[in-house]
Every structure is written in structure tokens, then in C-alpha cells.
């Protein structure tokens, strides 16, 4: 998921992620994970606010060559 910086703080990202979490829970998923650029503190803080935590997974983004980190959310702990 990506939201244009011009739309940050408008509620769009929150609405999208709320819906994704709700749908995953309804479908019976136990957890969700995502990849985020390690240097993107804004995105990491956004996902952390939803309960996502770094799980130690790392890789290099194929487009930018930048390090990425995996974040995971246990859906039994998630709101929505």
C-alpha cells in the first residue's frame, strides 16, 4: 500500500489499512506481514501504530537497492 505524501494525514491510509486488517480477520488469517523501506521512519511509525512489529526479516528493494524490513501483525491482537 502506498499513499501519496500529498494525501498523508487525510485518513486514506488509515481507512485502507483498517479495511485490509478487517478483511484478513474475516477470512480467518492469523497474521499479516508487510515490507517497508528500513529508512522510512514515517511509514514504520504508521504501521507500528496499528500494532505491526519488526520480525527480523530483511531484504534489499529490487528497484531502489535500499534495505527493507518486514513487519508483522498478529491479528488476534489487532483492532478491527
PDB file of N, CA and C in Angstrom:
ATOM      1  N   UNK A   1       0.855  -1.167   0.000  1.00  0.00           N
ATOM      2  CA  UNK A   1       0.000   0.000   0.000  1.00  0.00           C
ATOM      3  C   UNK A   1       0.898   1.226   0.000  1.00  0.00           C
ATOM      4  N   UNK A   2       0.516   2.185  -0.761  1.00  0.00           N
ATOM      5  CA  UNK A   2       1.256   3.434  -0.784  1.00  0.00           C
ATOM      6  C   UNK A   2       0.267   4.581  -0.975  1.00  0.00           C
ATOM      7  N   UNK A   3       0.439   5.621  -0.199  1.00  0.00           N
ATOM      8  CA  UNK A   3      -0.408   6.807  -0.302  1.00  0.00           C
ATOM      9  C   UNK A   3       0.500   7.990  -0.617  1.00  0.00           C
ATOM     10  N   UNK A   4       0.104   8.784  -1.575  1.00  0.00           N
ATOM     11  CA  UNK A   4       0.877   9.957  -1.957  1.00  0.00           C
ATOM     12  C   UNK A   4       1.109  10.858  -0.742  1.00  0.00           C
ATOM     13  N   UNK A   5       2.305  11.395  -0.594  1.00  0.00           N
ATOM     14  CA  UNK A   5       2.563  12.313   0.523  1.00  0.00           C
ATOM     15  C   UNK A   5       1.575  13.475   0.585  1.00  0.00           C
ATOM     16  N   UNK A   6       1.020  13.888  -0.550  1.00  0.00           N
ATOM     17  CA  UNK A   6       0.028  14.960  -0.553  1.00  0.00           C
ATOM     18  C   UNK A   6      -1.244  14.562   0.185  1.00  0.00           C
ATOM     19  N   UNK A   7      -1.479  13.243   0.303  1.00  0.00           N
ATOM     20  CA  UNK A   7      -2.698  12.752   0.970  1.00  0.00           C
ATOM     21  C   UNK A   7      -2.435  12.283   2.402  1.00  0.00           C
ATOM     22  N   UNK A   8      -1.172  12.383   2.851  1.00  0.00           N
ATOM     23  CA  UNK A   8      -0.878  11.982   4.227  1.00  0.00           C
ATOM     24  C   UNK A   8      -1.716  12.812   5.191  1.00  0.00           C
ATOM     25  N   UNK A   9      -2.060  12.212   6.301  1.00  0.00           N
ATOM     26  CA  UNK A   9      -2.817  12.847   7.386  1.00  0.00           C
ATOM     27  C   UNK A   9      -4.260  13.153   6.974  1.00  0.00           C
ATOM     28  N   UNK A  10      -4.720  12.519   5.884  1.00  0.00           N
ATOM     29  CA  UNK A  10      -6.096  12.734   5.440  1.00  0.00           C
ATOM     30  C   UNK A  10      -7.021  11.591   5.855  1.00  0.00           C
ATOM     31  N   UNK A  11      -6.447  10.508   6.351  1.00  0.00           N
ATOM     32  CA  UNK A  11      -7.245   9.355   6.759  1.00  0.00           C
ATOM     33  C   UNK A  11      -7.328   8.251   5.723  1.00  0.00           C
ATOM     34  N   UNK A  12      -6.800   8.496   4.540  1.00  0.00           N
ATOM     35  CA  UNK A  12      -6.877   7.489   3.476  1.00  0.00           C
ATOM     36  C   UNK A  12      -6.086   6.231   3.837  1.00  0.00           C
ATOM     37  N   UNK A  13      -4.856   6.397   4.270  1.00  0.00           N
ATOM     38  CA  UNK A  13      -4.030   5.243   4.627  1.00  0.00           C
ATOM     39  C   UNK A  13      -4.631   4.455   5.778  1.00  0.00           C
ATOM     40  N   UNK A  14      -5.141   5.158   6.767  1.00  0.00           N
ATOM     41  CA  UNK A  14      -5.773   4.505   7.915  1.00  0.00           C
ATOM     42  C   UNK A  14      -6.992   3.708   7.469  1.00  0.00           C
ATOM     43  N   UNK A  15      -7.820   4.300   6.606  1.00  0.00           N
ATOM     44  CA  UNK A  15      -9.011   3.606   6.114  1.00  0.00           C
ATOM     45  C   UNK A  15      -8.627   2.360   5.317  1.00  0.00           C
ATOM     46  N   UNK A  16      -7.614   2.465   4.459  1.00  0.00           N
ATOM     47  CA  UNK A  16      -7.172   1.318   3.676  1.00  0.00           C
ATOM     48  C   UNK A  16      -6.652   0.195   4.568  1.00  0.00           C
ATOM     49  N   UNK A  17      -5.819   0.544   5.533  1.00  0.00           N
ATOM     50  CA  UNK A  17      -5.248  -0.485   6.392  1.00  0.00           C
ATOM     51  C   UNK A  17      -6.295  -1.074   7.329  1.00  0.00           C
ATOM     52  N   UNK A  18      -7.199  -0.249   7.843  1.00  0.00           N
ATOM     53  CA  UNK A  18      -8.311  -0.774   8.656  1.00  0.00           C
ATOM     54  C   UNK A  18      -9.101  -1.819   7.874  1.00  0.00           C
ATOM     55  N   UNK A  19      -9.413  -1.508   6.628  1.00  0.00           N
ATOM     56  CA  UNK A  19     -10.184  -2.434   5.790  1.00  0.00           C
ATOM     57  C   UNK A  19      -9.401  -3.713   5.511  1.00  0.00           C
ATOM     58  N   UNK A  20      -8.115  -3.590   5.232  1.00  0.00           N
ATOM     59  CA  UNK A  20      -7.294  -4.772   4.964  1.00  0.00           C
ATOM     60  C   UNK A  20      -7.216  -5.673   6.188  1.00  0.00           C
ATOM     61  N   UNK A  21      -7.043  -5.088   7.357  1.00  0.00           N
ATOM     62  CA  UNK A  21      -6.974  -5.873   8.599  1.00  0.00           C
ATOM     63  C   UNK A  21      -8.314  -6.552   8.858  1.00  0.00           C
ATOM     64  N   UNK A  22      -9.394  -5.812   8.700  1.00  0.00           N
ATOM     65  CA  UNK A  22     -10.725  -6.372   8.915  1.00  0.00           C
ATOM     66  C   UNK A  22     -10.995  -7.536   7.962  1.00  0.00           C
ATOM     67  N   UNK A  23     -10.668  -7.365   6.689  1.00  0.00           N
ATOM     68  CA  UNK A  23     -10.894  -8.419   5.694  1.00  0.00           C
ATOM     69  C   UNK A  23     -10.048  -9.653   5.997  1.00  0.00           C
ATOM     70  N   UNK A  24      -8.806  -9.457   6.394  1.00  0.00           N
ATOM     71  CA  UNK A  24      -7.937 -10.595   6.712  1.00  0.00           C
ATOM     72  C   UNK A  24      -8.472 -11.360   7.920  1.00  0.00           C
ATOM     73  N   UNK A  25      -8.937 -10.635   8.926  1.00  0.00           N
ATOM     74  CA  UNK A  25      -9.516 -11.295  10.102  1.00  0.00           C
ATOM     75  C   UNK A  25     -10.770 -12.069   9.728  1.00  0.00           C
ATOM     76  N   UNK A  26     -11.643 -11.471   8.915  1.00  0.00           N
ATOM     77  CA  UNK A  26     -12.875 -12.141   8.490  1.00  0.00           C
ATOM     78  C   UNK A  26     -12.580 -13.391   7.666  1.00  0.00           C
ATOM     79  N   UNK A  27     -11.482 -13.369   6.924  1.00  0.00           N
ATOM     80  CA  UNK A  27     -11.091 -14.521   6.113  1.00  0.00           C
ATOM     81  C   UNK A  27     -10.339 -15.579   6.916  1.00  0.00           C
ATOM     82  N   UNK A  28     -10.128 -15.313   8.211  1.00  0.00           N
ATOM     83  CA  UNK A  28      -9.508 -16.303   9.080  1.00  0.00           C
ATOM     84  C   UNK A  28      -7.990 -16.290   9.143  1.00  0.00           C
ATOM     85  N   UNK A  29      -7.369 -15.249   8.640  1.00  0.00           N
ATOM     86  CA  UNK A  29      -5.911 -15.165   8.697  1.00  0.00           C
ATOM     87  C   UNK A  29      -5.460 -14.940  10.141  1.00  0.00           C
ATOM     88  N   UNK A  30      -4.363 -15.537  10.524  1.00  0.00           N
ATOM     89  CA  UNK A  30      -3.814 -15.395  11.876  1.00  0.00           C
ATOM     90  C   UNK A  30      -2.900 -14.180  11.996  1.00  0.00           C
ATOM     91  N   UNK A  31      -2.299 -13.766  10.866  1.00  0.00           N
ATOM     92  CA  UNK A  31      -1.326 -12.672  10.905  1.00  0.00           C
ATOM     93  C   UNK A  31      -1.228 -12.027   9.531  1.00  0.00           C
ATOM     94  N   UNK A  32      -0.670 -10.828   9.527  1.00  0.00           N
ATOM     95  CA  UNK A  32      -0.350 -10.107   8.293  1.00  0.00           C
ATOM     96  C   UNK A  32       1.100  -9.675   8.383  1.00  0.00           C
ATOM     97  N   UNK A  33       1.753  -9.579   7.232  1.00  0.00           N
ATOM     98  CA  UNK A  33       3.102  -9.024   7.224  1.00  0.00           C
ATOM     99  C   UNK A  33       3.238  -8.097   6.026  1.00  0.00           C
ATOM    100  N   UNK A  34       4.207  -7.199   6.118  1.00  0.00           N
ATOM    101  CA  UNK A  34       4.463  -6.244   5.046  1.00  0.00           C
ATOM    102  C   UNK A  34       5.946  -5.912   5.043  1.00  0.00           C
ATOM    103  N   UNK A  35       6.388  -5.372   3.929  1.00  0.00           N
ATOM    104  CA  UNK A  35       7.766  -4.912   3.793  1.00  0.00           C
ATOM    105  C   UNK A  35       7.760  -3.392   3.689  1.00  0.00           C
ATOM    106  N   UNK A  36       8.707  -2.772   4.362  1.00  0.00           N
ATOM    107  CA  UNK A  36       8.816  -1.312   4.352  1.00  0.00           C
ATOM    108  C   UNK A  36      10.298  -0.947   4.256  1.00  0.00           C
ATOM    109  N   UNK A  37      10.591   0.140   3.537  1.00  0.00           N
ATOM    110  CA  UNK A  37      11.981   0.587   3.480  1.00  0.00           C
ATOM    111  C   UNK A  37      12.455   0.890   4.896  1.00  0.00           C
ATOM    112  N   UNK A  38      13.581   0.341   5.260  1.00  0.00           N
ATOM    113  CA  UNK A  38      14.091   0.485   6.631  1.00  0.00           C
ATOM    114  C   UNK A  38      14.299   1.946   7.008  1.00  0.00           C
ATOM    115  N   UNK A  39      14.659   2.779   6.059  1.00  0.00           N
ATOM    116  CA  UNK A  39      14.926   4.191   6.372  1.00  0.00           C
ATOM    117  C   UNK A  39      13.657   5.047   6.406  1.00  0.00           C
ATOM    118  N   UNK A  40      12.501   4.470   6.086  1.00  0.00           N
ATOM    119  CA  UNK A  40      11.250   5.227   6.031  1.00  0.00           C
ATOM    120  C   UNK A  40      10.592   5.257   7.413  1.00  0.00           C
ATOM    121  N   UNK A  41      11.101   6.141   8.252  1.00  0.00           N
ATOM    122  CA  UNK A  41      10.613   6.244   9.635  1.00  0.00           C
ATOM    123  C   UNK A  41       9.132   6.602   9.690  1.00  0.00           C
ATOM    124  N   UNK A  42       8.659   7.417   8.758  1.00  0.00           N
ATOM    125  CA  UNK A  42       7.247   7.808   8.728  1.00  0.00           C
ATOM    126  C   UNK A  42       6.360   6.574   8.535  1.00  0.00           C
ATOM    127  N   UNK A  43       6.677   5.740   7.550  1.00  0.00           N
ATOM    128  CA  UNK A  43       5.881   4.533   7.289  1.00  0.00           C
ATOM    129  C   UNK A  43       5.998   3.546   8.443  1.00  0.00           C
ATOM    130  N   UNK A  44       7.191   3.375   8.980  1.00  0.00           N
ATOM    131  CA  UNK A  44       7.367   2.437  10.107  1.00  0.00           C
ATOM    132  C   UNK A  44       6.524   2.876  11.295  1.00  0.00           C
ATOM    133  N   UNK A  45       6.486   4.170  11.576  1.00  0.00           N
ATOM    134  CA  UNK A  45       5.685   4.675  12.696  1.00  0.00           C
ATOM    135  C   UNK A  45       4.196   4.465  12.424  1.00  0.00           C
ATOM    136  N   UNK A  46       3.764   4.669  11.191  1.00  0.00           N
ATOM    137  CA  UNK A  46       2.368   4.453  10.820  1.00  0.00           C
ATOM    138  C   UNK A  46       1.970   3.003  11.095  1.00  0.00           C
ATOM    139  N   UNK A  47       2.758   2.062  10.607  1.00  0.00           N
ATOM    140  CA  UNK A  47       2.429   0.642  10.802  1.00  0.00           C
ATOM    141  C   UNK A  47       2.551   0.237  12.265  1.00  0.00           C
ATOM    142  N   UNK A  48       3.517   0.785  12.974  1.00  0.00           N
ATOM    143  CA  UNK A  48       3.672   0.484  14.402  1.00  0.00           C
ATOM    144  C   UNK A  48       2.425   0.911  15.178  1.00  0.00           C
ATOM    145  N   UNK A  49       1.820   2.024  14.790  1.00  0.00           N
ATOM    146  CA  UNK A  49       0.605   2.495  15.458  1.00  0.00           C
ATOM    147  C   UNK A  49      -0.544   1.489  15.320  1.00  0.00           C
ATOM    148  N   UNK A  50      -0.505   0.657  14.293  1.00  0.00           N
ATOM    149  CA  UNK A  50      -1.510  -0.390  14.099  1.00  0.00           C
ATOM    150  C   UNK A  50      -1.149  -1.685  14.805  1.00  0.00           C
ATOM    151  N   UNK A  51       0.043  -1.740  15.377  1.00  0.00           N
ATOM    152  CA  UNK A  51       0.467  -2.941  16.084  1.00  0.00           C
ATOM    153  C   UNK A  51       1.478  -3.788  15.341  1.00  0.00           C
ATOM    154  N   UNK A  52       1.864  -3.388  14.136  1.00  0.00           N
ATOM    155  CA  UNK A  52       2.891  -4.131  13.407  1.00  0.00           C
ATOM    156  C   UNK A  52       4.224  -3.978  14.140  1.00  0.00           C
ATOM    157  N   UNK A  53       5.003  -5.050  14.152  1.00  0.00           N
ATOM    158  CA  UNK A  53       6.318  -5.050  14.791  1.00  0.00           C
ATOM    159  C   UNK A  53       7.334  -5.673  13.841  1.00  0.00           C
ATOM    160  N   UNK A  54       8.547  -5.151  13.847  1.00  0.00           N
ATOM    161  CA  UNK A  54       9.622  -5.750  13.050  1.00  0.00           C
ATOM    162  C   UNK A  54       9.825  -7.184  13.523  1.00  0.00           C
ATOM    163  N   UNK A  55       9.939  -8.111  12.559  1.00  0.00           N
ATOM    164  CA  UNK A  55      10.118  -9.511  12.941  1.00  0.00           C
ATOM    165  C   UNK A  55      11.492 -10.063  12.570  1.00  0.00           C
ATOM    166  N   UNK A  56      12.384  -9.191  12.140  1.00  0.00           N
ATOM    167  CA  UNK A  56      13.747  -9.602  11.827  1.00  0.00           C
ATOM    168  C   UNK A  56      13.992  -9.907  10.357  1.00  0.00           C
ATOM    169  N   UNK A  57      12.920  -9.979   9.557  1.00  0.00           N
ATOM    170  CA  UNK A  57      13.099 -10.217   8.131  1.00  0.00           C
ATOM    171  C   UNK A  57      13.711  -9.006   7.453  1.00  0.00           C
ATOM    172  N   UNK A  58      14.677  -9.256   6.577  1.00  0.00           N
ATOM    173  CA  UNK A  58      15.345  -8.176   5.851  1.00  0.00           C
ATOM    174  C   UNK A  58      15.576  -8.601   4.413  1.00  0.00           C
ATOM    175  N   UNK A  59      15.528  -7.645   3.513  1.00  0.00           N
ATOM    176  CA  UNK A  59      15.886  -7.870   2.109  1.00  0.00           C
ATOM    177  C   UNK A  59      16.218  -6.529   1.482  1.00  0.00           C
ATOM    178  N   UNK A  60      16.684  -6.571   0.254  1.00  0.00           N
ATOM    179  CA  UNK A  60      17.012  -5.357  -0.480  1.00  0.00           C
ATOM    180  C   UNK A  60      15.921  -5.105  -1.503  1.00  0.00           C
ATOM    181  N   UNK A  61      15.407  -3.879  -1.534  1.00  0.00           N
ATOM    182  CA  UNK A  61      14.392  -3.498  -2.507  1.00  0.00           C
ATOM    183  C   UNK A  61      14.992  -3.588  -3.901  1.00  0.00           C
ATOM    184  N   UNK A  62      14.327  -4.332  -4.782  1.00  0.00           N
ATOM    185  CA  UNK A  62      14.884  -4.562  -6.113  1.00  0.00           C
ATOM    186  C   UNK A  62      14.924  -3.310  -6.980  1.00  0.00           C
ATOM    187  N   UNK A  63      14.061  -2.344  -6.706  1.00  0.00           N
ATOM    188  CA  UNK A  63      14.016  -1.133  -7.536  1.00  0.00           C
ATOM    189  C   UNK A  63      15.005  -0.077  -7.068  1.00  0.00           C
ATOM    190  N   UNK A  64      15.084   0.129  -5.754  1.00  0.00           N
ATOM    191  CA  UNK A  64      15.916   1.215  -5.232  1.00  0.00           C
ATOM    192  C   UNK A  64      17.265   0.741  -4.700  1.00  0.00           C
ATOM    193  N   UNK A  65      17.389  -0.555  -4.436  1.00  0.00           N
ATOM    194  CA  UNK A  65      18.616  -1.074  -3.833  1.00  0.00           C
ATOM    195  C   UNK A  65      18.707  -0.788  -2.344  1.00  0.00           C
ATOM    196  N   UNK A  66      17.632  -0.234  -1.759  1.00  0.00           N
ATOM    197  CA  UNK A  66      17.615   0.129  -0.342  1.00  0.00           C
ATOM    198  C   UNK A  66      17.177  -1.068   0.517  1.00  0.00           C
ATOM    199  N   UNK A  67      17.682  -1.131   1.750  1.00  0.00           N
ATOM    200  CA  UNK A  67      17.269  -2.212   2.646  1.00  0.00           C
ATOM    201  C   UNK A  67      15.800  -2.071   3.059  1.00  0.00           C
ATOM    202  N   UNK A  68      15.127  -3.204   3.115  1.00  0.00           N
ATOM    203  CA  UNK A  68      13.750  -3.266   3.584  1.00  0.00           C
ATOM    204  C   UNK A  68      13.697  -4.127   4.842  1.00  0.00           C
ATOM    205  N   UNK A  69      12.689  -3.894   5.640  1.00  0.00           N
ATOM    206  CA  UNK A  69      12.457  -4.724   6.817  1.00  0.00           C
ATOM    207  C   UNK A  69      11.017  -5.223   6.779  1.00  0.00           C
ATOM    208  N   UNK A  70      10.823  -6.428   7.305  1.00  0.00           N
ATOM    209  CA  UNK A  70       9.479  -6.995   7.357  1.00  0.00           C
ATOM    210  C   UNK A  70       8.856  -6.668   8.708  1.00  0.00           C
ATOM    211  N   UNK A  71       7.578  -6.311   8.671  1.00  0.00           N
ATOM    212  CA  UNK A  71       6.816  -6.049   9.890  1.00  0.00           C
ATOM    213  C   UNK A  71       5.626  -6.998   9.901  1.00  0.00           C
ATOM    214  N   UNK A  72       5.241  -7.459  11.086  1.00  0.00           N
ATOM    215  CA  UNK A  72       4.197  -8.457  11.223  1.00  0.00           C
ATOM    216  C   UNK A  72       3.162  -7.991  12.259  1.00  0.00           C
ATOM    217  N   UNK A  73       1.921  -8.348  12.008  1.00  0.00           N
ATOM    218  CA  UNK A  73       0.831  -8.051  12.923  1.00  0.00           C
ATOM    219  C   UNK A  73       0.110  -9.349  13.241  1.00  0.00           C
ATOM    220  N   UNK A  74       0.039  -9.719  14.512  1.00  0.00           N
ATOM    221  CA  UNK A  74      -0.754 -10.851  14.958  1.00  0.00           C
ATOM    222  C   UNK A  74      -2.195 -10.381  14.988  1.00  0.00           C
ATOM    223  N   UNK A  75      -3.051 -10.960  14.179  1.00  0.00           N
ATOM    224  CA  UNK A  75      -4.423 -10.472  14.051  1.00  0.00           C
ATOM    225  C   UNK A  75      -5.283 -10.758  15.273  1.00  0.00           C
ATOM    226  N   UNK A  76      -4.857 -11.630  16.136  1.00  0.00           N
ATOM    227  CA  UNK A  76      -5.619 -11.856  17.362  1.00  0.00           C
ATOM    228  C   UNK A  76      -5.482 -10.650  18.294  1.00  0.00           C
ATOM    229  N   UNK A  77      -4.436  -9.833  18.078  1.00  0.00           N
ATOM    230  CA  UNK A  77      -4.206  -8.635  18.892  1.00  0.00           C
ATOM    231  C   UNK A  77      -4.707  -7.367  18.223  1.00  0.00           C
ATOM    232  N   UNK A  78      -5.123  -7.466  16.956  1.00  0.00           N
ATOM    233  CA  UNK A  78      -5.436  -6.275  16.175  1.00  0.00           C
ATOM    234  C   UNK A  78      -6.881  -5.829  16.356  1.00  0.00           C
ATOM    235  N   UNK A  79      -7.053  -4.530  16.338  1.00  0.00           N
ATOM    236  CA  UNK A  79      -8.412  -3.961  16.344  1.00  0.00           C
ATOM    237  C   UNK A  79      -9.000  -4.140  14.949  1.00  0.00           C
ATOM    238  N   UNK A  80     -10.315  -4.038  14.846  1.00  0.00           N
ATOM    239  CA  UNK A  80     -10.921  -4.060  13.522  1.00  0.00           C
ATOM    240  C   UNK A  80     -11.758  -5.240  13.242  1.00  0.00           C
TER     241      UNK A  80
END
